[in-house]
Amino acid sequence: MTDAAADGNTFWVINYFFPGDTDLTPKTDPLVEKYGEGPTHTQQDQVERLVKMTYSPNGITFADAAPIQLTLDGNTARNLEGLVLLNDQGFLLVTDKFPSTLLMFVKKP
């Protein structure tokens, strides 16, 4: 996770994985097991998705919602660093400076 944005009692987090970080590769992915992968995620090793979480006195858990899987850009892993909610319309995402800064809008489901 590189950033989060609150949405009432829930919040969204960026879930990003760079395939070069092989020592961080999880053995299983519970979100893929439950919801499957997006079309481009089945073809690439990187992960770029927004995951909805819930906070309660018992802790932080996955919300009962499929992740928003971003359309991947070939083998280019975009290092997603910033996330902001844009009212009820969606999200603004920004990358860091490698290979260049990108500003993206993702519609909220």
N, C-alpha and C. Protein backbone atom coordinates (compact mmCIF):
# COMPACT_ATOMS: atom_id res chain seq x y z
N MET A 1 0.84 -1.17 0.00
CA MET A 1 0.00 0.00 0.00
C MET A 1 0.89 1.23 0.00
N THR A 2 0.55 2.18 -0.87
CA THR A 2 1.33 3.42 -0.92
C THR A 2 0.55 4.65 -0.49
N ASP A 3 -0.79 4.60 -0.49
CA ASP A 3 -1.59 5.73 -0.03
C ASP A 3 -3.00 5.24 0.24
N ALA A 4 -3.78 6.08 0.95
CA ALA A 4 -5.16 5.74 1.29
C ALA A 4 -6.00 7.00 1.27
N ALA A 5 -7.32 6.82 1.06
CA ALA A 5 -8.27 7.93 1.06
C ALA A 5 -9.53 7.49 1.79
N ALA A 6 -9.94 8.28 2.79
CA ALA A 6 -11.10 7.93 3.62
C ALA A 6 -12.40 8.21 2.87
N ASP A 7 -13.39 7.37 3.14
CA ASP A 7 -14.72 7.49 2.54
C ASP A 7 -15.73 7.07 3.61
N GLY A 8 -15.94 7.93 4.62
CA GLY A 8 -16.81 7.57 5.73
C GLY A 8 -16.12 6.56 6.63
N ASN A 9 -16.83 5.46 6.96
CA ASN A 9 -16.24 4.41 7.80
C ASN A 9 -15.38 3.44 6.99
N THR A 10 -15.32 3.67 5.71
CA THR A 10 -14.47 2.85 4.86
C THR A 10 -13.37 3.72 4.27
N PHE A 11 -12.40 3.09 3.70
CA PHE A 11 -11.36 3.83 3.00
C PHE A 11 -10.81 2.97 1.88
N TRP A 12 -10.19 3.62 0.93
CA TRP A 12 -9.61 2.95 -0.23
C TRP A 12 -8.09 3.05 -0.13
N VAL A 13 -7.41 2.00 -0.53
CA VAL A 13 -5.95 2.00 -0.55
C VAL A 13 -5.46 1.62 -1.94
N ILE A 14 -4.28 2.15 -2.28
CA ILE A 14 -3.61 1.72 -3.51
C ILE A 14 -2.89 0.42 -3.20
N ASN A 15 -3.14 -0.59 -4.01
CA ASN A 15 -2.41 -1.85 -3.91
C ASN A 15 -1.57 -1.96 -5.18
N TYR A 16 -0.27 -1.75 -5.01
CA TYR A 16 0.68 -1.73 -6.13
C TYR A 16 1.75 -2.76 -5.86
N PHE A 17 2.10 -3.54 -6.89
CA PHE A 17 3.21 -4.49 -6.78
C PHE A 17 4.07 -4.38 -8.02
N PHE A 18 5.36 -4.16 -7.80
CA PHE A 18 6.35 -4.13 -8.89
C PHE A 18 6.95 -5.53 -8.99
N PRO A 19 6.87 -6.16 -10.17
CA PRO A 19 7.31 -7.55 -10.30
C PRO A 19 8.80 -7.77 -10.03
N GLY A 20 9.59 -6.71 -10.04
CA GLY A 20 11.01 -6.86 -9.71
C GLY A 20 11.25 -7.12 -8.24
N ASP A 21 10.25 -6.86 -7.41
CA ASP A 21 10.37 -7.08 -5.96
C ASP A 21 9.98 -8.51 -5.61
N THR A 22 10.71 -9.48 -6.15
CA THR A 22 10.34 -10.89 -5.99
C THR A 22 10.33 -11.34 -4.52
N ASP A 23 11.11 -10.68 -3.67
CA ASP A 23 11.11 -11.06 -2.26
C ASP A 23 9.82 -10.64 -1.55
N LEU A 24 9.00 -9.81 -2.20
CA LEU A 24 7.73 -9.37 -1.63
C LEU A 24 6.53 -10.11 -2.22
N THR A 25 6.77 -11.03 -3.14
CA THR A 25 5.68 -11.75 -3.79
C THR A 25 4.92 -12.59 -2.77
N PRO A 26 3.61 -12.36 -2.63
CA PRO A 26 2.85 -13.17 -1.65
C PRO A 26 2.62 -14.59 -2.17
N LYS A 27 2.45 -15.51 -1.24
CA LYS A 27 2.17 -16.91 -1.63
C LYS A 27 0.78 -17.04 -2.21
N THR A 28 -0.17 -16.28 -1.65
CA THR A 28 -1.54 -16.28 -2.15
C THR A 28 -2.06 -14.85 -2.17
N ASP A 29 -3.10 -14.63 -2.94
CA ASP A 29 -3.74 -13.33 -3.02
C ASP A 29 -5.23 -13.54 -2.76
N PRO A 30 -5.70 -13.24 -1.54
CA PRO A 30 -7.12 -13.52 -1.23
C PRO A 30 -8.09 -12.74 -2.11
N LEU A 31 -7.71 -11.57 -2.60
CA LEU A 31 -8.61 -10.82 -3.47
C LEU A 31 -8.74 -11.49 -4.84
N VAL A 32 -7.65 -12.01 -5.37
CA VAL A 32 -7.71 -12.74 -6.64
C VAL A 32 -8.51 -14.03 -6.46
N GLU A 33 -8.29 -14.70 -5.33
CA GLU A 33 -9.03 -15.94 -5.08
C GLU A 33 -10.53 -15.70 -5.02
N LYS A 34 -10.95 -14.56 -4.46
CA LYS A 34 -12.38 -14.27 -4.32
C LYS A 34 -12.99 -13.62 -5.56
N TYR A 35 -12.26 -12.68 -6.19
CA TYR A 35 -12.85 -11.87 -7.26
C TYR A 35 -12.22 -12.11 -8.64
N GLY A 36 -11.13 -12.83 -8.72
CA GLY A 36 -10.45 -13.04 -9.98
C GLY A 36 -9.57 -11.85 -10.34
N GLU A 37 -9.00 -11.89 -11.54
CA GLU A 37 -8.12 -10.83 -12.02
C GLU A 37 -8.77 -10.10 -13.18
N GLY A 38 -8.40 -8.85 -13.36
CA GLY A 38 -8.84 -8.09 -14.52
C GLY A 38 -8.16 -8.61 -15.78
N PRO A 39 -8.67 -8.25 -16.95
CA PRO A 39 -8.13 -8.77 -18.21
C PRO A 39 -6.63 -8.53 -18.39
N THR A 40 -6.17 -7.34 -18.04
CA THR A 40 -4.74 -7.07 -18.23
C THR A 40 -3.90 -7.66 -17.09
N HIS A 41 -4.49 -7.84 -15.92
CA HIS A 41 -3.74 -8.44 -14.81
C HIS A 41 -3.44 -9.92 -15.07
N THR A 42 -4.25 -10.59 -15.89
CA THR A 42 -3.97 -11.99 -16.22
C THR A 42 -2.78 -12.10 -17.16
N GLN A 43 -2.41 -11.00 -17.82
CA GLN A 43 -1.32 -11.01 -18.81
C GLN A 43 -0.02 -10.43 -18.29
N GLN A 44 -0.04 -9.76 -17.14
CA GLN A 44 1.14 -9.07 -16.62
C GLN A 44 1.40 -9.49 -15.18
N ASP A 45 2.62 -9.25 -14.71
CA ASP A 45 2.99 -9.61 -13.34
C ASP A 45 2.75 -8.50 -12.33
N GLN A 46 2.69 -7.25 -12.81
CA GLN A 46 2.49 -6.15 -11.85
C GLN A 46 1.04 -6.11 -11.38
N VAL A 47 0.83 -5.42 -10.26
CA VAL A 47 -0.52 -5.24 -9.70
C VAL A 47 -0.74 -3.74 -9.51
N GLU A 48 -1.87 -3.25 -10.00
CA GLU A 48 -2.29 -1.87 -9.82
C GLU A 48 -3.80 -1.89 -9.60
N ARG A 49 -4.20 -1.72 -8.35
CA ARG A 49 -5.63 -1.78 -8.06
C ARG A 49 -5.93 -0.94 -6.83
N LEU A 50 -7.21 -0.58 -6.70
CA LEU A 50 -7.70 0.12 -5.52
C LEU A 50 -8.53 -0.87 -4.71
N VAL A 51 -8.24 -0.94 -3.42
CA VAL A 51 -8.89 -1.92 -2.56
C VAL A 51 -9.66 -1.18 -1.47
N LYS A 52 -10.91 -1.56 -1.30
CA LYS A 52 -11.76 -0.95 -0.29
C LYS A 52 -11.59 -1.70 1.04
N MET A 53 -11.37 -0.93 2.11
CA MET A 53 -11.15 -1.48 3.44
C MET A 53 -12.19 -0.90 4.41
N THR A 54 -12.38 -1.58 5.53
CA THR A 54 -13.31 -1.13 6.56
C THR A 54 -12.58 -1.08 7.89
N TYR A 55 -12.84 0.00 8.63
CA TYR A 55 -12.29 0.12 9.97
C TYR A 55 -13.41 -0.08 11.00
N SER A 56 -13.13 -0.87 12.02
CA SER A 56 -14.05 -1.04 13.14
C SER A 56 -13.21 -1.19 14.41
N PRO A 57 -13.84 -1.19 15.56
CA PRO A 57 -13.07 -1.40 16.80
C PRO A 57 -12.30 -2.72 16.81
N ASN A 58 -12.72 -3.66 15.97
CA ASN A 58 -12.03 -4.95 15.90
C ASN A 58 -10.82 -4.92 14.98
N GLY A 59 -10.63 -3.83 14.25
CA GLY A 59 -9.47 -3.73 13.37
C GLY A 59 -9.85 -3.34 11.95
N ILE A 60 -8.88 -3.49 11.06
CA ILE A 60 -9.05 -3.16 9.65
C ILE A 60 -9.20 -4.46 8.87
N THR A 61 -10.24 -4.50 8.01
CA THR A 61 -10.49 -5.69 7.20
C THR A 61 -10.85 -5.27 5.78
N PHE A 62 -10.77 -6.23 4.86
CA PHE A 62 -11.25 -5.98 3.51
C PHE A 62 -12.75 -5.74 3.56
N ALA A 63 -13.23 -4.74 2.83
CA ALA A 63 -14.67 -4.54 2.66
C ALA A 63 -15.19 -5.62 1.73
N ASP A 64 -16.46 -5.88 1.77
CA ASP A 64 -17.06 -6.88 0.88
C ASP A 64 -17.31 -6.24 -0.48
N ALA A 65 -16.22 -5.94 -1.19
CA ALA A 65 -16.30 -5.28 -2.49
C ALA A 65 -15.11 -5.70 -3.34
N ALA A 66 -15.37 -5.92 -4.60
CA ALA A 66 -14.27 -6.26 -5.51
C ALA A 66 -13.32 -5.08 -5.64
N PRO A 67 -12.03 -5.35 -5.78
CA PRO A 67 -11.10 -4.25 -6.00
C PRO A 67 -11.33 -3.62 -7.37
N ILE A 68 -10.96 -2.37 -7.50
CA ILE A 68 -10.98 -1.71 -8.80
C ILE A 68 -9.63 -2.00 -9.44
N GLN A 69 -9.64 -2.83 -10.47
CA GLN A 69 -8.40 -3.22 -11.12
C GLN A 69 -8.14 -2.28 -12.28
N LEU A 70 -7.02 -1.57 -12.20
CA LEU A 70 -6.69 -0.62 -13.24
C LEU A 70 -6.22 -1.35 -14.49
N THR A 71 -6.47 -0.77 -15.65
CA THR A 71 -5.98 -1.34 -16.89
C THR A 71 -4.47 -1.12 -16.94
N LEU A 72 -3.72 -2.21 -17.02
CA LEU A 72 -2.26 -2.11 -17.02
C LEU A 72 -1.75 -1.64 -18.36
N ASP A 73 -0.60 -0.98 -18.33
CA ASP A 73 0.03 -0.41 -19.52
C ASP A 73 1.20 -1.29 -19.96
N GLY A 74 0.86 -2.47 -20.50
CA GLY A 74 1.90 -3.38 -20.95
C GLY A 74 2.80 -3.80 -19.80
N ASN A 75 4.10 -3.84 -20.05
CA ASN A 75 5.05 -4.23 -19.02
C ASN A 75 5.46 -3.07 -18.13
N THR A 76 4.94 -1.88 -18.38
CA THR A 76 5.30 -0.71 -17.58
C THR A 76 4.52 -0.71 -16.28
N ALA A 77 5.25 -0.85 -15.17
CA ALA A 77 4.62 -0.79 -13.85
C ALA A 77 4.62 0.66 -13.39
N ARG A 78 3.44 1.24 -13.28
CA ARG A 78 3.32 2.64 -12.85
C ARG A 78 3.34 2.68 -11.33
N ASN A 79 4.31 3.36 -10.78
CA ASN A 79 4.48 3.42 -9.33
C ASN A 79 3.46 4.40 -8.75
N LEU A 80 2.27 3.91 -8.42
CA LEU A 80 1.19 4.74 -7.91
C LEU A 80 1.51 5.18 -6.50
N GLU A 81 1.54 6.49 -6.28
CA GLU A 81 1.96 7.03 -4.99
C GLU A 81 0.89 7.85 -4.28
N GLY A 82 -0.04 8.47 -5.01
CA GLY A 82 -1.01 9.36 -4.38
C GLY A 82 -2.43 8.98 -4.77
N LEU A 83 -3.35 9.10 -3.80
CA LEU A 83 -4.75 8.76 -4.01
C LEU A 83 -5.62 9.78 -3.28
N VAL A 84 -6.58 10.36 -4.01
CA VAL A 84 -7.52 11.32 -3.42
C VAL A 84 -8.91 11.01 -3.96
N LEU A 85 -9.92 11.05 -3.08
CA LEU A 85 -11.31 10.92 -3.52
C LEU A 85 -11.76 12.23 -4.12
N LEU A 86 -12.45 12.17 -5.24
CA LEU A 86 -12.98 13.34 -5.91
C LEU A 86 -14.50 13.29 -5.78
N ASN A 87 -15.00 13.78 -4.64
CA ASN A 87 -16.44 13.72 -4.33
C ASN A 87 -16.93 12.30 -4.51
N ASP A 88 -18.10 12.11 -5.08
CA ASP A 88 -18.60 10.76 -5.35
C ASP A 88 -18.30 10.32 -6.78
N GLN A 89 -17.51 11.12 -7.49
CA GLN A 89 -17.22 10.81 -8.89
C GLN A 89 -16.18 9.72 -9.06
N GLY A 90 -15.15 9.76 -8.24
CA GLY A 90 -14.09 8.77 -8.39
C GLY A 90 -12.84 9.17 -7.65
N PHE A 91 -11.71 8.82 -8.23
CA PHE A 91 -10.42 8.99 -7.59
C PHE A 91 -9.44 9.69 -8.52
N LEU A 92 -8.56 10.47 -7.94
CA LEU A 92 -7.40 10.98 -8.64
C LEU A 92 -6.21 10.19 -8.13
N LEU A 93 -5.41 9.70 -9.06
CA LEU A 93 -4.19 8.95 -8.74
C LEU A 93 -3.02 9.65 -9.39
N VAL A 94 -1.87 9.57 -8.74
CA VAL A 94 -0.66 10.16 -9.30
C VAL A 94 0.49 9.18 -9.09
N THR A 95 1.39 9.16 -10.05
CA THR A 95 2.60 8.34 -9.93
C THR A 95 3.74 9.21 -9.42
N ASP A 96 4.85 8.56 -9.09
CA ASP A 96 6.03 9.34 -8.79
C ASP A 96 6.72 9.67 -10.12
N LYS A 97 7.96 10.07 -10.11
CA LYS A 97 8.60 10.59 -11.31
C LYS A 97 9.25 9.54 -12.20
N PHE A 98 8.96 8.26 -12.03
CA PHE A 98 9.55 7.25 -12.90
C PHE A 98 8.46 6.51 -13.63
N PRO A 99 8.39 6.42 -14.91
CA PRO A 99 9.28 7.11 -15.86
C PRO A 99 8.94 8.58 -16.02
N SER A 100 7.72 8.96 -15.73
CA SER A 100 7.34 10.37 -15.68
C SER A 100 6.05 10.44 -14.86
N THR A 101 5.75 11.62 -14.34
CA THR A 101 4.57 11.78 -13.51
C THR A 101 3.30 11.64 -14.35
N LEU A 102 2.38 10.84 -13.87
CA LEU A 102 1.08 10.67 -14.51
C LEU A 102 -0.01 11.05 -13.52
N LEU A 103 -1.02 11.75 -13.98
CA LEU A 103 -2.21 12.05 -13.19
C LEU A 103 -3.36 11.32 -13.85
N MET A 104 -4.08 10.51 -13.08
CA MET A 104 -5.14 9.67 -13.64
C MET A 104 -6.44 9.88 -12.88
N PHE A 105 -7.55 9.75 -13.58
CA PHE A 105 -8.88 9.74 -12.97
C PHE A 105 -9.44 8.34 -13.12
N VAL A 106 -9.98 7.81 -12.03
CA VAL A 106 -10.62 6.49 -12.05
C VAL A 106 -12.04 6.67 -11.51
N LYS A 107 -13.02 6.28 -12.31
CA LYS A 107 -14.42 6.43 -11.92
C LYS A 107 -14.74 5.48 -10.76
N LYS A 108 -15.51 5.99 -9.79
CA LYS A 108 -15.92 5.19 -8.65
C LYS A 108 -17.06 4.26 -9.05
N PRO A 109 -17.00 3.00 -8.64
CA PRO A 109 -18.07 2.06 -9.02
C PRO A 109 -19.39 2.37 -8.32
